[in-house]
């Protein structure tokens, strides 16, 4: 189906009519195809879901709707102050539409907002981290067991390591020789699995966002305050250390995650401190001391794991992450592994920041 026909069809399904309809790409997601569907009176965000990654899209929608309802109750009670991204039903009261050889859903468009791909300053980092902290705090009394594991083992480093070893053994795209040094480094870091295993039972399972990138938080155009936490697709049971670690991974470097300017890929210590302050403040009285101390492990694990996943996908022939050129995943992997090395190098400084909050 041609894109204009797709736009008209989706517009009709979601009640926007079929006149003066347009659709254009929005955002920089790796997984789903995200578009802004515009009609004269209203705009919606529509997504063609990647059913290779999300084979049961109805579970993804179910999770998000449960969280939307919980946050709506918190908002009504004055216990949550951010906008809530909401699914929009079709005229037939369905949340999923089959169209253009895929499955689509629609989300309310939150106007008057902007997102960032790279954190510009301390204030921005603390504002975004605080928004994710508010999100976590509002869900603290939400039973994580209600949520489907839409991507089983999403943050299971042991599984990621096993997959990595299988891929390098098979070398299906004949790429191993081009990244052997990166492979050897990754193989030397799997003690992190033992560190994670030692945490089992010592920190509580929480409902987690699991993708706390800076561009999954919207800022207000006028005030530059936090406006909304978005992209609830990977909300699943987990540990807060994962959400903290993903903020460190995506906030701290002054370079985007696919930058090849590796000399500039590093942890900005002042940004790390802003993340800690911003995230922990809404969690006071809710977070355990062991959880707070686990954040150091989260910073290491999340940065290393995404580097490992990028490298795995590169060696495997680029079957998971969307790429713009043949070495895109290798460049992403080298970027993240460079950041991981800098986190390790600054261990004493970063752990001291965590201890002082």
Protein backbone atom coordinates (compact mmCIF):
# COMPACT_ATOMS: atom_id res chain seq x y z
CA UNK A 1 0.00 0.00 0.00
CA UNK A 2 1.44 3.38 -0.97
CA UNK A 3 2.20 5.75 1.89
CA UNK A 4 -0.59 8.22 1.05
CA UNK A 5 -3.11 5.38 0.90
CA UNK A 6 -1.78 4.09 4.22
CA UNK A 7 -2.17 7.54 5.75
CA UNK A 8 -5.77 7.86 4.54
CA UNK A 9 -6.66 4.35 5.69
CA UNK A 10 -5.20 4.90 9.17
CA UNK A 11 -6.83 8.31 9.39
CA UNK A 12 -10.21 6.75 8.66
CA UNK A 13 -9.66 3.95 11.17
CA UNK A 14 -8.74 6.34 13.96
CA UNK A 15 -11.49 8.84 13.22
CA UNK A 16 -9.54 11.67 11.58
CA UNK A 17 -11.43 11.51 8.28
CA UNK A 18 -9.87 11.26 4.83
CA UNK A 19 -9.37 14.89 3.78
CA UNK A 20 -6.01 16.70 3.78
CA UNK A 21 -4.26 13.81 5.48
CA UNK A 22 -0.47 13.61 5.61
CA UNK A 23 2.07 11.36 7.29
CA UNK A 24 5.77 12.01 7.92
CA UNK A 25 8.53 10.31 9.96
CA UNK A 26 9.06 11.44 13.54
CA UNK A 27 11.66 10.44 16.13
CA UNK A 28 14.81 8.32 15.93
CA UNK A 29 13.73 4.91 17.20
CA UNK A 30 15.70 1.78 16.27
CA UNK A 31 12.81 -0.67 16.25
CA UNK A 32 9.37 0.59 15.17
CA UNK A 33 8.50 2.83 12.22
CA UNK A 34 7.09 5.98 13.84
CA UNK A 35 5.09 8.60 11.88
CA UNK A 36 3.13 11.73 12.62
CA UNK A 37 -0.33 11.37 11.07
CA UNK A 38 -1.86 14.81 10.53
CA UNK A 39 -5.38 15.91 9.62
CA UNK A 40 -6.87 19.43 9.77
CA UNK A 41 -8.26 19.12 13.29
CA UNK A 42 -5.93 16.64 14.96
CA UNK A 43 -2.60 14.81 14.77
CA UNK A 44 -1.71 11.36 16.07
CA UNK A 45 1.54 9.46 16.40
CA UNK A 46 1.16 6.18 14.50
CA UNK A 47 3.60 3.30 14.60
CA UNK A 48 4.10 0.28 12.42
CA UNK A 49 5.22 -2.21 15.04
CA UNK A 50 8.21 -4.43 14.47
CA UNK A 51 6.61 -7.84 14.99
CA UNK A 52 9.97 -9.56 14.78
CA UNK A 53 10.89 -7.76 18.01
CA UNK A 54 7.33 -7.69 19.39
CA UNK A 55 5.75 -10.94 18.13
CA UNK A 56 2.70 -10.38 20.36
CA UNK A 57 1.81 -6.71 19.85
CA UNK A 58 -1.42 -7.12 21.79
CA UNK A 59 0.70 -7.74 24.91
CA UNK A 60 2.65 -4.55 24.28
CA UNK A 61 -0.60 -2.58 24.10
CA UNK A 62 -2.00 -4.36 27.15
CA UNK A 63 1.06 -3.40 29.24
CA UNK A 64 0.96 0.21 28.11
CA UNK A 65 -2.78 0.56 28.79
CA UNK A 66 -2.40 -0.85 32.31
CA UNK A 67 0.32 1.69 33.02
CA UNK A 68 -1.69 4.53 31.42
CA UNK A 69 -4.64 3.76 33.71
CA UNK A 70 -2.44 3.57 36.81
CA UNK A 71 -0.72 6.86 36.01
CA UNK A 72 -4.10 8.47 35.27
CA UNK A 73 -5.28 7.57 38.77
CA UNK A 74 -2.08 9.04 40.21
CA UNK A 75 -2.55 12.20 38.14
CA UNK A 76 -6.11 12.58 39.39
CA UNK A 77 -4.93 12.17 42.98
CA UNK A 78 -2.21 14.79 42.50
CA UNK A 79 0.55 12.20 42.81
CA UNK A 80 1.90 12.46 39.25
CA UNK A 81 2.38 15.70 37.39
CA UNK A 82 3.55 14.71 33.91
CA UNK A 83 1.49 14.25 30.75
CA UNK A 84 0.60 10.65 29.99
CA UNK A 85 1.06 9.15 26.55
CA UNK A 86 -2.14 7.26 25.70
CA UNK A 87 -3.22 4.74 23.12
CA UNK A 88 -6.03 5.85 20.82
CA UNK A 89 -8.70 3.28 19.86
CA UNK A 90 -10.11 2.93 16.37
CA UNK A 91 -13.75 3.73 15.63
CA UNK A 92 -14.36 0.02 16.22
CA UNK A 93 -12.66 0.27 19.63
CA UNK A 94 -9.56 -1.69 18.66
CA UNK A 95 -6.02 -0.61 19.42
CA UNK A 96 -4.29 -2.44 16.57
CA UNK A 97 -4.86 -2.07 12.81
CA UNK A 98 -3.52 -4.35 10.11
CA UNK A 99 -2.35 -2.27 7.16
CA UNK A 100 0.53 -2.04 4.69
CA UNK A 101 1.76 -5.57 5.50
CA UNK A 102 2.03 -4.76 9.17
CA UNK A 103 0.38 -3.94 12.47
CA UNK A 104 -0.17 -0.30 13.42
CA UNK A 105 -1.24 1.53 16.57
CA UNK A 106 -1.96 5.16 17.36
CA UNK A 107 -0.87 7.29 20.29
CA UNK A 108 -1.96 10.75 21.36
CA UNK A 109 0.38 13.45 20.09
CA UNK A 110 1.78 15.53 22.93
CA UNK A 111 2.23 18.99 21.45
CA UNK A 112 4.22 21.91 22.76
CA UNK A 113 7.17 19.65 23.42
CA UNK A 114 10.56 18.63 22.12
CA UNK A 115 13.06 15.84 22.70
CA UNK A 116 16.85 15.68 22.73
CA UNK A 117 19.26 13.05 21.44
CA UNK A 118 22.24 14.35 23.43
CA UNK A 119 22.10 16.00 26.87
CA UNK A 120 23.28 19.58 26.55
CA UNK A 121 23.81 20.58 30.19
CA UNK A 122 23.46 19.67 33.85
CA UNK A 123 19.98 21.15 34.22
CA UNK A 124 18.65 19.15 31.29
CA UNK A 125 20.12 15.92 32.68
CA UNK A 126 18.67 16.48 36.14
CA UNK A 127 15.25 17.43 34.74
CA UNK A 128 15.07 14.29 32.58
CA UNK A 129 16.35 11.99 35.32
CA UNK A 130 13.83 13.49 37.73
CA UNK A 131 11.02 12.76 35.24
CA UNK A 132 12.06 9.11 35.04
CA UNK A 133 12.26 9.10 38.84
CA UNK A 134 8.70 10.46 39.06
CA UNK A 135 7.60 7.75 36.64
CA UNK A 136 9.25 5.05 38.77
CA UNK A 137 7.81 6.49 41.99
CA UNK A 138 4.28 6.61 40.56
CA UNK A 139 4.55 2.93 39.62
CA UNK A 140 6.08 1.83 42.92
CA UNK A 141 2.70 0.47 44.09
CA UNK A 142 1.88 -1.08 40.70
CA UNK A 143 2.16 -4.88 40.69
CA UNK A 144 4.89 -5.66 38.17
CA UNK A 145 3.56 -9.19 37.82
CA UNK A 146 0.65 -7.79 35.78
CA UNK A 147 3.02 -6.95 32.94
CA UNK A 148 3.74 -9.30 30.07
CA UNK A 149 7.39 -9.96 29.26
CA UNK A 150 7.00 -8.54 25.75
CA UNK A 151 10.70 -9.18 25.06
CA UNK A 152 11.72 -12.15 27.21
CA UNK A 153 15.22 -11.81 28.75
CA UNK A 154 15.50 -8.22 27.50
CA UNK A 155 18.10 -7.31 30.16
CA UNK A 156 19.41 -10.83 30.73
CA UNK A 157 23.16 -10.39 30.31
CA UNK A 158 23.84 -14.12 30.62
CA UNK A 159 21.50 -14.77 27.69
CA UNK A 160 23.09 -11.94 25.68
CA UNK A 161 26.52 -13.44 26.36
CA UNK A 162 25.36 -16.88 25.22
CA UNK A 163 23.91 -15.42 22.02
CA UNK A 164 27.16 -13.52 21.43
CA UNK A 165 29.25 -16.68 21.78
CA UNK A 166 26.98 -18.56 19.38
CA UNK A 167 27.20 -15.78 16.79
CA UNK A 168 31.00 -15.47 16.92
CA UNK A 169 31.28 -19.24 16.61
CA UNK A 170 29.12 -19.25 13.47
CA UNK A 171 30.27 -15.90 12.00
CA UNK A 172 27.36 -16.00 9.50
CA UNK A 173 28.25 -12.75 7.70
CA UNK A 174 32.04 -13.29 7.70
CA UNK A 175 32.59 -10.18 9.78
CA UNK A 176 34.47 -11.56 12.78
CA UNK A 177 37.92 -10.70 11.43
CA UNK A 178 36.96 -7.01 11.17
CA UNK A 179 36.16 -6.72 14.90
CA UNK A 180 38.27 -9.35 16.68
CA UNK A 181 39.72 -6.90 19.21
CA UNK A 182 36.21 -5.79 20.22
CA UNK A 183 35.12 -9.42 20.51
CA UNK A 184 38.07 -10.31 22.72
CA UNK A 185 37.36 -7.34 24.99
CA UNK A 186 33.72 -8.34 25.40
CA UNK A 187 34.65 -11.91 26.25
CA UNK A 188 36.89 -10.58 29.04
CA UNK A 189 34.03 -8.71 30.75
CA UNK A 190 31.59 -11.49 31.56
CA UNK A 191 32.33 -11.32 35.30
CA UNK A 192 29.51 -8.78 35.22
CA UNK A 193 27.13 -11.75 35.00
CA UNK A 194 28.32 -12.99 38.40
CA UNK A 195 27.86 -9.52 39.89
CA UNK A 196 24.26 -9.46 38.63
CA UNK A 197 23.56 -12.95 39.93
CA UNK A 198 24.77 -11.90 43.38
CA UNK A 199 22.03 -9.25 43.47
CA UNK A 200 19.20 -11.76 43.00
CA UNK A 201 16.83 -11.54 45.95
CA UNK A 202 18.63 -8.54 47.45
CA UNK A 203 16.86 -5.85 45.45
CA UNK A 204 13.10 -5.83 44.72
CA UNK A 205 11.57 -6.45 41.32
CA UNK A 206 9.97 -3.22 40.09
CA UNK A 207 7.85 -2.18 37.11
CA UNK A 208 10.55 -0.57 34.96
CA UNK A 209 10.57 1.58 31.84
CA UNK A 210 13.61 -0.33 30.52
CA UNK A 211 14.47 2.25 27.84
CA UNK A 212 15.26 5.48 29.68
CA UNK A 213 17.07 7.17 26.81
CA UNK A 214 17.11 10.96 26.85
CA UNK A 215 14.89 11.02 23.73
CA UNK A 216 12.17 9.07 25.56
CA UNK A 217 11.47 12.12 27.71
CA UNK A 218 9.72 15.21 26.35
CA UNK A 219 10.55 18.74 27.47
CA UNK A 220 8.07 21.64 27.45
CA UNK A 221 8.74 24.12 24.64
CA UNK A 222 8.08 27.14 26.88
CA UNK A 223 9.38 26.26 30.34
CA UNK A 224 11.87 23.52 29.35
CA UNK A 225 10.54 21.53 32.32
CA UNK A 226 9.76 17.85 31.99
CA UNK A 227 6.51 17.27 30.10
CA UNK A 228 6.14 13.50 29.58
CA UNK A 229 7.85 10.14 29.75
CA UNK A 230 7.15 8.34 26.47
CA UNK A 231 7.73 4.99 24.74
CA UNK A 232 6.30 2.49 27.19
CA UNK A 233 6.85 -0.46 24.83
CA UNK A 234 9.48 -2.14 26.98
CA UNK A 235 7.81 -1.58 30.36
CA UNK A 236 8.33 -4.89 32.13
CA UNK A 237 9.33 -6.24 35.53
CA UNK A 238 12.96 -5.45 36.31
CA UNK A 239 15.33 -3.57 38.59
CA UNK A 240 15.69 0.18 38.95
CA UNK A 241 19.41 -0.26 38.32
CA UNK A 242 18.54 -0.96 34.66
CA UNK A 243 16.70 2.33 34.25
CA UNK A 244 19.44 4.23 36.07
CA UNK A 245 22.12 2.55 33.98
CA UNK A 246 20.38 3.35 30.72
CA UNK A 247 20.30 7.02 31.71
CA UNK A 248 24.03 6.95 32.40
CA UNK A 249 24.56 5.28 29.03
CA UNK A 250 22.52 7.81 27.06
CA UNK A 251 22.97 11.04 29.08
CA UNK A 252 26.64 11.07 30.05
CA UNK A 253 28.47 11.07 26.74
CA UNK A 254 28.63 14.33 24.75
CA UNK A 255 28.41 12.22 21.58
CA UNK A 256 25.45 10.30 20.12
CA UNK A 257 25.64 6.52 20.45
CA UNK A 258 26.72 6.01 16.83
CA UNK A 259 29.33 8.77 16.79
CA UNK A 260 32.74 7.72 15.49
CA UNK A 261 34.44 10.56 17.38
CA UNK A 262 35.59 8.08 20.03
CA UNK A 263 38.12 10.46 21.60
CA UNK A 264 35.15 12.51 22.80
CA UNK A 265 33.07 9.56 24.05
CA UNK A 266 33.37 9.76 27.82
CA UNK A 267 31.43 10.08 31.05
CA UNK A 268 30.76 13.70 31.97
CA UNK A 269 31.01 13.41 35.74
CA UNK A 270 28.82 16.45 36.35
CA UNK A 271 26.08 14.85 34.22
CA UNK A 272 26.41 11.58 36.16
CA UNK A 273 25.90 13.52 39.39
CA UNK A 274 22.87 15.30 37.93
CA UNK A 275 21.33 11.92 36.99
CA UNK A 276 21.83 10.60 40.51
CA UNK A 277 20.32 13.71 42.13
CA UNK A 278 17.41 13.91 39.71
CA UNK A 279 16.46 10.24 39.75
CA UNK A 280 16.82 9.57 43.47
CA UNK A 281 14.92 12.65 44.70
CA UNK A 282 11.40 11.36 43.78
CA UNK A 283 12.32 7.91 45.15
CA UNK A 284 13.16 9.05 48.68
CA UNK A 285 11.36 6.83 51.15
CA UNK A 286 10.81 4.20 48.44
CA UNK A 287 14.30 3.14 47.39
CA UNK A 288 16.38 0.78 49.52
CA UNK A 289 20.04 1.44 50.25
CA UNK A 290 20.98 -1.74 48.37
CA UNK A 291 19.06 -0.52 45.33
CA UNK A 292 20.93 2.78 45.40
CA UNK A 293 24.27 0.99 45.68
CA UNK A 294 23.26 -1.30 42.79
CA UNK A 295 23.17 1.74 40.50
CA UNK A 296 26.94 1.46 40.01
CA UNK A 297 26.44 -2.02 38.59
CA UNK A 298 23.58 -0.69 36.47
CA UNK A 299 25.84 1.95 34.92
CA UNK A 300 28.34 -0.73 33.93
CA UNK A 301 25.90 -3.43 32.83
CA UNK A 302 23.61 -1.32 30.66
CA UNK A 303 26.44 0.37 28.78
CA UNK A 304 28.33 -2.89 28.24
CA UNK A 305 25.21 -4.85 27.32
CA UNK A 306 24.06 -2.51 24.56
CA UNK A 307 27.60 -2.47 23.19
CA UNK A 308 27.54 -6.26 23.22
CA UNK A 309 24.15 -6.32 21.50
CA UNK A 310 25.26 -3.93 18.77
CA UNK A 311 28.38 -6.04 18.19
CA UNK A 312 26.35 -9.26 18.16
CA UNK A 313 23.96 -7.81 15.59
CA UNK A 314 26.86 -6.60 13.42
CA UNK A 315 28.52 -10.03 13.36
CA UNK A 316 25.14 -11.69 12.79
CA UNK A 317 24.44 -9.58 9.68
CA UNK A 318 22.28 -6.76 11.13
CA UNK A 319 19.03 -8.59 11.84
CA UNK A 320 17.74 -6.61 14.82
CA UNK A 321 18.64 -2.91 14.89
CA UNK A 322 17.76 -0.64 11.98
CA UNK A 323 20.95 0.52 10.25
CA UNK A 324 21.86 3.29 7.81
CA UNK A 325 25.04 1.69 6.43
CA UNK A 326 26.86 -1.68 6.69
CA UNK A 327 29.15 -0.72 9.61
CA UNK A 328 26.52 1.17 11.60
CA UNK A 329 26.16 -1.49 14.32
CA UNK A 330 29.94 -1.90 14.61
CA UNK A 331 30.33 1.85 15.09
CA UNK A 332 27.57 1.83 17.72
CA UNK A 333 29.27 -1.07 19.49
CA UNK A 334 32.67 0.62 19.53
CA UNK A 335 31.08 3.83 20.79
CA UNK A 336 29.34 2.09 23.70
CA UNK A 337 32.35 -0.03 24.62
CA UNK A 338 34.47 3.13 24.69
CA UNK A 339 31.97 4.69 27.08
CA UNK A 340 31.98 1.52 29.20
CA UNK A 341 35.79 1.66 29.48
CA UNK A 342 35.57 5.24 30.69
CA UNK A 343 32.96 4.31 33.30
CA UNK A 344 35.34 1.66 34.63
CA UNK A 345 38.26 4.10 34.57
CA UNK A 346 36.28 6.60 36.69
CA UNK A 347 35.04 4.02 39.20
CA UNK A 348 36.24 5.77 42.36
CA UNK A 349 34.79 9.14 41.35
CA UNK A 350 31.43 7.80 40.20
CA UNK A 351 30.97 5.52 43.23
CA UNK A 352 31.76 8.44 45.52
CA UNK A 353 29.03 10.50 43.83
CA UNK A 354 26.54 7.67 44.44
CA UNK A 355 27.58 7.32 48.09
CA UNK A 356 27.20 11.04 48.75
CA UNK A 357 23.58 11.29 47.57
